[in-house]
PDB file of N, CA and C in Angstrom:
ATOM      1  N   MET A   1       0.814  -1.185   0.000  1.00  0.00           N
ATOM      2  CA  MET A   1       0.000   0.000   0.000  1.00  0.00           C
ATOM      3  C   MET A   1       0.862   1.255   0.000  1.00  0.00           C
ATOM      4  N   ALA A   2       1.996   1.209   0.663  1.00  0.00           N
ATOM      5  CA  ALA A   2       2.889   2.357   0.714  1.00  0.00           C
ATOM      6  C   ALA A   2       3.490   2.631  -0.663  1.00  0.00           C
ATOM      7  N   GLU A   3       3.743   1.571  -1.430  1.00  0.00           N
ATOM      8  CA  GLU A   3       4.302   1.762  -2.766  1.00  0.00           C
ATOM      9  C   GLU A   3       3.323   2.493  -3.673  1.00  0.00           C
ATOM     10  N   GLY A   4       2.046   2.160  -3.563  1.00  0.00           N
ATOM     11  CA  GLY A   4       1.036   2.829  -4.382  1.00  0.00           C
ATOM     12  C   GLY A   4       0.934   4.303  -4.048  1.00  0.00           C
ATOM     13  N   ALA A   5       1.056   4.646  -2.775  1.00  0.00           N
ATOM     14  CA  ALA A   5       0.991   6.044  -2.356  1.00  0.00           C
ATOM     15  C   ALA A   5       2.211   6.812  -2.865  1.00  0.00           C
ATOM     16  N   GLU A   6       3.389   6.171  -2.796  1.00  0.00           N
ATOM     17  CA  GLU A   6       4.597   6.832  -3.304  1.00  0.00           C
ATOM     18  C   GLU A   6       4.512   7.056  -4.801  1.00  0.00           C
ATOM     19  N   ASN A   7       4.008   6.054  -5.517  1.00  0.00           N
ATOM     20  CA  ASN A   7       3.891   6.154  -6.961  1.00  0.00           C
ATOM     21  C   ASN A   7       2.928   7.270  -7.338  1.00  0.00           C
ATOM     22  N   LYS A   8       1.813   7.366  -6.615  1.00  0.00           N
ATOM     23  CA  LYS A   8       0.826   8.411  -6.883  1.00  0.00           C
ATOM     24  C   LYS A   8       1.418   9.786  -6.574  1.00  0.00           C
ATOM     25  N   GLY A   9       2.155   9.882  -5.481  1.00  0.00           N
ATOM     26  CA  GLY A   9       2.800  11.141  -5.115  1.00  0.00           C
ATOM     27  C   GLY A   9       3.834  11.562  -6.147  1.00  0.00           C
ATOM     28  N   GLY A  10       4.552  10.595  -6.686  1.00  0.00           N
ATOM     29  CA  GLY A  10       5.550  10.894  -7.717  1.00  0.00           C
ATOM     30  C   GLY A  10       4.908  11.396  -8.993  1.00  0.00           C
ATOM     31  N   LYS A  11       3.755  10.814  -9.346  1.00  0.00           N
ATOM     32  CA  LYS A  11       3.049  11.268 -10.549  1.00  0.00           C
ATOM     33  C   LYS A  11       2.517  12.681 -10.374  1.00  0.00           C
ATOM     34  N   ILE A  12       2.016  12.976  -9.183  1.00  0.00           N
ATOM     35  CA  ILE A  12       1.512  14.327  -8.913  1.00  0.00           C
ATOM     36  C   ILE A  12       2.650  15.333  -8.975  1.00  0.00           C
ATOM     37  N   LEU A  13       3.791  14.975  -8.390  1.00  0.00           N
ATOM     38  CA  LEU A  13       4.950  15.864  -8.408  1.00  0.00           C
ATOM     39  C   LEU A  13       5.444  16.089  -9.838  1.00  0.00           C
ATOM     40  N   ALA A  14       5.474  15.042 -10.640  1.00  0.00           N
ATOM     41  CA  ALA A  14       5.913  15.167 -12.029  1.00  0.00           C
ATOM     42  C   ALA A  14       4.938  16.047 -12.821  1.00  0.00           C
ATOM     43  N   THR A  15       3.647  15.871 -12.579  1.00  0.00           N
ATOM     44  CA  THR A  15       2.651  16.698 -13.265  1.00  0.00           C
ATOM     45  C   THR A  15       2.781  18.155 -12.841  1.00  0.00           C
ATOM     46  N   LEU A  16       2.975  18.399 -11.565  1.00  0.00           N
ATOM     47  CA  LEU A  16       3.149  19.761 -11.070  1.00  0.00           C
ATOM     48  C   LEU A  16       4.384  20.407 -11.686  1.00  0.00           C
ATOM     49  N   PHE A  17       5.459  19.659 -11.779  1.00  0.00           N
ATOM     50  CA  PHE A  17       6.690  20.173 -12.404  1.00  0.00           C
ATOM     51  C   PHE A  17       6.444  20.549 -13.862  1.00  0.00           C
ATOM     52  N   LYS A  18       5.714  19.703 -14.595  1.00  0.00           N
ATOM     53  CA  LYS A  18       5.421  19.985 -16.003  1.00  0.00           C
ATOM     54  C   LYS A  18       4.553  21.219 -16.153  1.00  0.00           C
ATOM     55  N   VAL A  19       3.590  21.395 -15.278  1.00  0.00           N
ATOM     56  CA  VAL A  19       2.714  22.573 -15.332  1.00  0.00           C
ATOM     57  C   VAL A  19       3.517  23.842 -15.062  1.00  0.00           C
ATOM     58  N   ILE A  20       4.357  23.811 -14.039  1.00  0.00           N
ATOM     59  CA  ILE A  20       5.178  24.985 -13.713  1.00  0.00           C
ATOM     60  C   ILE A  20       6.137  25.291 -14.855  1.00  0.00           C
ATOM     61  N   LEU A  21       6.757  24.275 -15.419  1.00  0.00           N
ATOM     62  CA  LEU A  21       7.671  24.473 -16.535  1.00  0.00           C
ATOM     63  C   LEU A  21       6.928  25.049 -17.745  1.00  0.00           C
ATOM     64  N   GLY A  22       5.737  24.560 -18.001  1.00  0.00           N
ATOM     65  CA  GLY A  22       4.927  25.074 -19.107  1.00  0.00           C
ATOM     66  C   GLY A  22       4.577  26.539 -18.904  1.00  0.00           C
ATOM     67  N   LEU A  23       4.218  26.917 -17.684  1.00  0.00           N
ATOM     68  CA  LEU A  23       3.893  28.318 -17.400  1.00  0.00           C
ATOM     69  C   LEU A  23       5.118  29.215 -17.562  1.00  0.00           C
ATOM     70  N   VAL A  24       6.275  28.725 -17.142  1.00  0.00           N
ATOM     71  CA  VAL A  24       7.515  29.497 -17.313  1.00  0.00           C
ATOM     72  C   VAL A  24       7.793  29.712 -18.807  1.00  0.00           C
ATOM     73  N   PHE A  25       7.626  28.658 -19.611  1.00  0.00           N
ATOM     74  CA  PHE A  25       7.845  28.794 -21.052  1.00  0.00           C
ATOM     75  C   PHE A  25       6.851  29.767 -21.669  1.00  0.00           C
ATOM     76  N   LEU A  26       5.602  29.751 -21.221  1.00  0.00           N
ATOM     77  CA  LEU A  26       4.605  30.691 -21.736  1.00  0.00           C
ATOM     78  C   LEU A  26       4.998  32.133 -21.432  1.00  0.00           C
ATOM     79  N   VAL A  27       5.419  32.390 -20.214  1.00  0.00           N
ATOM     80  CA  VAL A  27       5.821  33.743 -19.828  1.00  0.00           C
ATOM     81  C   VAL A  27       7.034  34.190 -20.641  1.00  0.00           C
ATOM     82  N   LEU A  28       8.017  33.316 -20.778  1.00  0.00           N
ATOM     83  CA  LEU A  28       9.206  33.672 -21.565  1.00  0.00           C
ATOM     84  C   LEU A  28       8.847  33.911 -23.033  1.00  0.00           C
ATOM     85  N   GLY A  29       7.939  33.128 -23.565  1.00  0.00           N
ATOM     86  CA  GLY A  29       7.507  33.316 -24.948  1.00  0.00           C
ATOM     87  C   GLY A  29       6.815  34.641 -25.153  1.00  0.00           C
ATOM     88  N   VAL A  30       5.930  35.000 -24.239  1.00  0.00           N
ATOM     89  CA  VAL A  30       5.234  36.291 -24.343  1.00  0.00           C
ATOM     90  C   VAL A  30       6.226  37.439 -24.220  1.00  0.00           C
ATOM     91  N   MET A  31       7.169  37.313 -23.307  1.00  0.00           N
ATOM     92  CA  MET A  31       8.183  38.363 -23.155  1.00  0.00           C
ATOM     93  C   MET A  31       9.028  38.497 -24.423  1.00  0.00           C
ATOM     94  N   ALA A  32       9.372  37.388 -25.055  1.00  0.00           N
ATOM     95  CA  ALA A  32      10.166  37.433 -26.283  1.00  0.00           C
ATOM     96  C   ALA A  32       9.380  38.080 -27.416  1.00  0.00           C
ATOM     97  N   ILE A  33       8.081  37.761 -27.522  1.00  0.00           N
ATOM     98  CA  ILE A  33       7.261  38.368 -28.573  1.00  0.00           C
ATOM     99  C   ILE A  33       7.158  39.873 -28.363  1.00  0.00           C
ATOM    100  N   ILE A  34       6.948  40.300 -27.124  1.00  0.00           N
ATOM    101  CA  ILE A  34       6.854  41.737 -26.846  1.00  0.00           C
ATOM    102  C   ILE A  34       8.182  42.426 -27.140  1.00  0.00           C
ATOM    103  N   ARG A  35       9.269  41.801 -26.742  1.00  0.00           N
ATOM    104  CA  ARG A  35      10.600  42.419 -26.914  1.00  0.00           C
ATOM    105  C   ARG A  35      10.993  42.546 -28.381  1.00  0.00           C
ATOM    106  N   TRP A  36      10.701  41.518 -29.185  1.00  0.00           N
ATOM    107  CA  TRP A  36      11.135  41.503 -30.573  1.00  0.00           C
ATOM    108  C   TRP A  36       9.967  41.599 -31.550  1.00  0.00           C
ATOM    109  N   TRP A  37       8.952  42.388 -31.202  1.00  0.00           N
ATOM    110  CA  TRP A  37       7.753  42.491 -32.022  1.00  0.00           C
ATOM    111  C   TRP A  37       8.073  42.945 -33.446  1.00  0.00           C
ATOM    112  N   HIS A  38       8.917  43.960 -33.599  1.00  0.00           N
ATOM    113  CA  HIS A  38       9.234  44.477 -34.940  1.00  0.00           C
ATOM    114  C   HIS A  38       9.936  43.424 -35.798  1.00  0.00           C
ATOM    115  N   LEU A  39      10.746  42.581 -35.181  1.00  0.00           N
ATOM    116  CA  LEU A  39      11.408  41.524 -35.940  1.00  0.00           C
ATOM    117  C   LEU A  39      10.431  40.415 -36.333  1.00  0.00           C
ATOM    118  N   ILE A  40       9.453  40.154 -35.484  1.00  0.00           N
ATOM    119  CA  ILE A  40       8.446  39.144 -35.812  1.00  0.00           C
ATOM    120  C   ILE A  40       7.622  39.595 -37.011  1.00  0.00           C
ATOM    121  N   ILE A  41       7.243  40.872 -37.023  1.00  0.00           N
ATOM    122  CA  ILE A  41       6.490  41.415 -38.158  1.00  0.00           C
ATOM    123  C   ILE A  41       7.328  41.334 -39.425  1.00  0.00           C
ATOM    124  N   LEU A  42       8.609  41.639 -39.334  1.00  0.00           N
ATOM    125  CA  LEU A  42       9.508  41.542 -40.483  1.00  0.00           C
ATOM    126  C   LEU A  42       9.595  40.103 -40.988  1.00  0.00           C
ATOM    127  N   LEU A  43       9.664  39.155 -40.082  1.00  0.00           N
ATOM    128  CA  LEU A  43       9.705  37.744 -40.453  1.00  0.00           C
ATOM    129  C   LEU A  43       8.429  37.322 -41.170  1.00  0.00           C
ATOM    130  N   ILE A  44       7.290  37.749 -40.656  1.00  0.00           N
ATOM    131  CA  ILE A  44       6.010  37.408 -41.294  1.00  0.00           C
ATOM    132  C   ILE A  44       5.935  38.015 -42.692  1.00  0.00           C
ATOM    133  N   LYS A  45       6.344  39.258 -42.829  1.00  0.00           N
ATOM    134  CA  LYS A  45       6.340  39.898 -44.151  1.00  0.00           C
ATOM    135  C   LYS A  45       7.283  39.175 -45.115  1.00  0.00           C
ATOM    136  N   GLY A  46       8.419  38.731 -44.632  1.00  0.00           N
ATOM    137  CA  GLY A  46       9.381  38.032 -45.471  1.00  0.00           C
ATOM    138  C   GLY A  46       8.898  36.656 -45.901  1.00  0.00           C
ATOM    139  N   CYS A  47       8.068  36.022 -45.096  1.00  0.00           N
ATOM    140  CA  CYS A  47       7.568  34.682 -45.415  1.00  0.00           C
ATOM    141  C   CYS A  47       6.320  34.716 -46.284  1.00  0.00           C
ATOM    142  N   LEU A  48       5.709  35.867 -46.432  1.00  0.00           N
ATOM    143  CA  LEU A  48       4.454  35.959 -47.163  1.00  0.00           C
ATOM    144  C   LEU A  48       4.621  35.583 -48.638  1.00  0.00           C
ATOM    145  N   GLY A  49       5.671  36.061 -49.287  1.00  0.00           N
ATOM    146  CA  GLY A  49       5.913  35.750 -50.696  1.00  0.00           C
ATOM    147  C   GLY A  49       6.104  34.264 -50.967  1.00  0.00           C
ATOM    148  N   PRO A  50       7.040  33.621 -50.273  1.00  0.00           N
ATOM    149  CA  PRO A  50       7.213  32.174 -50.482  1.00  0.00           C
ATOM    150  C   PRO A  50       5.961  31.368 -50.137  1.00  0.00           C
ATOM    151  N   PHE A  51       5.215  31.791 -49.131  1.00  0.00           N
ATOM    152  CA  PHE A  51       3.983  31.092 -48.776  1.00  0.00           C
ATOM    153  C   PHE A  51       2.981  31.164 -49.927  1.00  0.00           C
ATOM    154  N   LEU A  52       2.795  32.353 -50.489  1.00  0.00           N
ATOM    155  CA  LEU A  52       1.857  32.491 -51.602  1.00  0.00           C
ATOM    156  C   LEU A  52       2.328  31.713 -52.825  1.00  0.00           C
ATOM    157  N   LEU A  53       3.633  31.693 -53.064  1.00  0.00           N
ATOM    158  CA  LEU A  53       4.183  30.926 -54.175  1.00  0.00           C
ATOM    159  C   LEU A  53       3.879  29.433 -54.009  1.00  0.00           C
ATOM    160  N   LEU A  54       4.136  28.893 -52.828  1.00  0.00           N
ATOM    161  CA  LEU A  54       3.854  27.484 -52.579  1.00  0.00           C
ATOM    162  C   LEU A  54       2.356  27.185 -52.621  1.00  0.00           C
ATOM    163  N   ALA A  55       1.542  28.104 -52.125  1.00  0.00           N
ATOM    164  CA  ALA A  55       0.089  27.915 -52.174  1.00  0.00           C
ATOM    165  C   ALA A  55      -0.378  27.852 -53.616  1.00  0.00           C
ATOM    166  N   GLY A  56       0.195  28.698 -54.485  1.00  0.00           N
ATOM    167  CA  GLY A  56      -0.163  28.673 -55.909  1.00  0.00           C
ATOM    168  C   GLY A  56       0.260  27.374 -56.572  1.00  0.00           C
ATOM    169  N   ILE A  57       1.456  26.904 -56.273  1.00  0.00           N
ATOM    170  CA  ILE A  57       1.941  25.649 -56.850  1.00  0.00           C
ATOM    171  C   ILE A  57       1.070  24.479 -56.426  1.00  0.00           C
ATOM    172  N   ILE A  58       0.713  24.434 -55.141  1.00  0.00           N
ATOM    173  CA  ILE A  58      -0.143  23.356 -54.648  1.00  0.00           C
ATOM    174  C   ILE A  58      -1.522  23.424 -55.267  1.00  0.00           C
ATOM    175  N   THR A  59      -2.068  24.630 -55.422  1.00  0.00           N
ATOM    176  CA  THR A  59      -3.386  24.797 -56.035  1.00  0.00           C
ATOM    177  C   THR A  59      -3.369  24.321 -57.480  1.00  0.00           C
ATOM    178  N   LEU A  60      -2.314  24.657 -58.212  1.00  0.00           N
ATOM    179  CA  LEU A  60      -2.213  24.206 -59.608  1.00  0.00           C
ATOM    180  C   LEU A  60      -2.053  22.687 -59.681  1.00  0.00           C
ATOM    181  N   ALA A  61      -1.318  22.103 -58.744  1.00  0.00           N
ATOM    182  CA  ALA A  61      -1.138  20.656 -58.738  1.00  0.00           C
ATOM    183  C   ALA A  61      -2.456  19.946 -58.454  1.00  0.00           C
ATOM    184  N   ILE A  62      -3.254  20.512 -57.562  1.00  0.00           N
ATOM    185  CA  ILE A  62      -4.559  19.918 -57.251  1.00  0.00           C
ATOM    186  C   ILE A  62      -5.494  20.078 -58.441  1.00  0.00           C
ATOM    187  N   ALA A  63      -5.458  21.235 -59.085  1.00  0.00           N
ATOM    188  CA  ALA A  63      -6.348  21.490 -60.232  1.00  0.00           C
ATOM    189  C   ALA A  63      -5.991  20.596 -61.425  1.00  0.00           C
ATOM    190  N   LYS A  64      -4.734  20.206 -61.543  1.00  0.00           N
ATOM    191  CA  LYS A  64      -4.281  19.375 -62.648  1.00  0.00           C
ATOM    192  C   LYS A  64      -4.873  17.970 -62.573  1.00  0.00           C
ATOM    193  N   GLU A  65      -5.135  17.493 -61.381  1.00  0.00           N
ATOM    194  CA  GLU A  65      -5.659  16.137 -61.189  1.00  0.00           C
ATOM    195  C   GLU A  65      -7.030  16.055 -61.691  1.00  0.00           C
TER     196      GLU A  65
END
């Protein structure tokens, strides 16, 4: 019976650790987006052309079938 309690306690501790780690990553991610907002916008603008090019190629490939 003691082994089952230890195992359950270990699972709770592992889950708590994962939740805390996830929250830390969320906060760091939001801080990074706020800090480098202008670079993120530049990245999105730079990816727009290749994205549209690939979307056109895929659309033509589907239409060919």
